[in-house]
Amino acid sequence: MESYLVSLGAGVLIGVIYSVIKVRSPAPPLIALVGLLGMVIGAQAVPALKPLLGL
């Protein structure tokens, strides 16, 4: 969990720096990032739910 928080903090810091120096971020648009988040959640949900469903 700690690595996720460090990664999030680094991303926020870089975002702030980009904003201050007025550089356009090379990251994909927000809608693409939300889609990627959904894919990660879905991929993690299947192994977590298998024991609960008896599969």
C-alpha atoms as a PDB file:
ATOM      1  CA  MET A   1       0.000   0.000   0.000  1.00  0.00           C
ATOM      2  CA  GLU A   2       2.898   2.327   0.760  1.00  0.00           C
ATOM      3  CA  SER A   3       4.177   2.142  -2.820  1.00  0.00           C
ATOM      4  CA  TYR A   4       0.756   3.231  -4.104  1.00  0.00           C
ATOM      5  CA  LEU A   5       0.759   6.254  -1.822  1.00  0.00           C
ATOM      6  CA  VAL A   6       4.301   7.201  -2.860  1.00  0.00           C
ATOM      7  CA  SER A   7       3.310   6.861  -6.514  1.00  0.00           C
ATOM      8  CA  LEU A   8       0.209   8.995  -5.996  1.00  0.00           C
ATOM      9  CA  GLY A   9       2.212  11.639  -4.131  1.00  0.00           C
ATOM     10  CA  ALA A  10       4.858  11.753  -6.865  1.00  0.00           C
ATOM     11  CA  GLY A  11       2.177  12.129  -9.519  1.00  0.00           C
ATOM     12  CA  VAL A  12       0.494  14.975  -7.648  1.00  0.00           C
ATOM     13  CA  LEU A  13       3.846  16.712  -7.151  1.00  0.00           C
ATOM     14  CA  ILE A  14       4.693  16.457 -10.854  1.00  0.00           C
ATOM     15  CA  GLY A  15       1.207  17.708 -11.751  1.00  0.00           C
ATOM     16  CA  VAL A  16       1.691  20.762  -9.535  1.00  0.00           C
ATOM     17  CA  ILE A  17       5.110  21.444 -11.067  1.00  0.00           C
ATOM     18  CA  TYR A  18       3.689  21.122 -14.597  1.00  0.00           C
ATOM     19  CA  SER A  19       0.904  23.533 -13.687  1.00  0.00           C
ATOM     20  CA  VAL A  20       3.279  26.096 -12.184  1.00  0.00           C
ATOM     21  CA  ILE A  21       5.606  26.116 -15.191  1.00  0.00           C
ATOM     22  CA  LYS A  22       2.629  25.894 -17.584  1.00  0.00           C
ATOM     23  CA  VAL A  23       3.679  22.677 -19.336  1.00  0.00           C
ATOM     24  CA  ARG A  24       0.987  20.530 -20.901  1.00  0.00           C
ATOM     25  CA  SER A  25       1.010  17.062 -19.357  1.00  0.00           C
ATOM     26  CA  PRO A  26       1.780  14.174 -21.726  1.00  0.00           C
ATOM     27  CA  ALA A  27      -0.750  12.026 -19.844  1.00  0.00           C
ATOM     28  CA  PRO A  28      -3.899  10.850 -21.616  1.00  0.00           C
ATOM     29  CA  PRO A  29      -7.162  12.698 -20.991  1.00  0.00           C
ATOM     30  CA  LEU A  30      -9.041  12.088 -17.749  1.00  0.00           C
ATOM     31  CA  ILE A  31     -11.658   9.876 -19.411  1.00  0.00           C
ATOM     32  CA  ALA A  32      -8.924   7.464 -20.567  1.00  0.00           C
ATOM     33  CA  LEU A  33      -7.450   7.340 -17.067  1.00  0.00           C
ATOM     34  CA  VAL A  34     -10.864   6.535 -15.597  1.00  0.00           C
ATOM     35  CA  GLY A  35     -11.200   3.687 -18.088  1.00  0.00           C
ATOM     36  CA  LEU A  36      -7.790   2.338 -17.093  1.00  0.00           C
ATOM     37  CA  LEU A  37      -8.772   2.535 -13.425  1.00  0.00           C
ATOM     38  CA  GLY A  38     -11.894   0.516 -14.203  1.00  0.00           C
ATOM     39  CA  MET A  39      -9.792  -2.129 -15.939  1.00  0.00           C
ATOM     40  CA  VAL A  40      -7.469  -2.422 -12.940  1.00  0.00           C
ATOM     41  CA  ILE A  41     -10.391  -2.678 -10.509  1.00  0.00           C
ATOM     42  CA  GLY A  42     -12.036  -5.334 -12.665  1.00  0.00           C
ATOM     43  CA  ALA A  43      -8.848  -7.360 -12.936  1.00  0.00           C
ATOM     44  CA  GLN A  44      -8.380  -7.256  -9.154  1.00  0.00           C
ATOM     45  CA  ALA A  45     -12.031  -8.040  -8.416  1.00  0.00           C
ATOM     46  CA  VAL A  46     -12.122 -11.422 -10.155  1.00  0.00           C
ATOM     47  CA  PRO A  47      -9.451 -13.136  -7.989  1.00  0.00           C
ATOM     48  CA  ALA A  48     -10.879 -11.527  -4.868  1.00  0.00           C
ATOM     49  CA  LEU A  49     -14.429 -12.715  -5.586  1.00  0.00           C
ATOM     50  CA  LYS A  50     -13.614 -16.292  -6.696  1.00  0.00           C
ATOM     51  CA  PRO A  51     -13.401 -17.684  -3.147  1.00  0.00           C
ATOM     52  CA  LEU A  52     -16.608 -15.914  -2.155  1.00  0.00           C
ATOM     53  CA  LEU A  53     -18.470 -17.397  -5.113  1.00  0.00           C
ATOM     54  CA  GLY A  54     -17.014 -20.867  -4.585  1.00  0.00           C
ATOM     55  CA  LEU A  55     -15.242 -20.944  -7.949  1.00  0.00           C
END
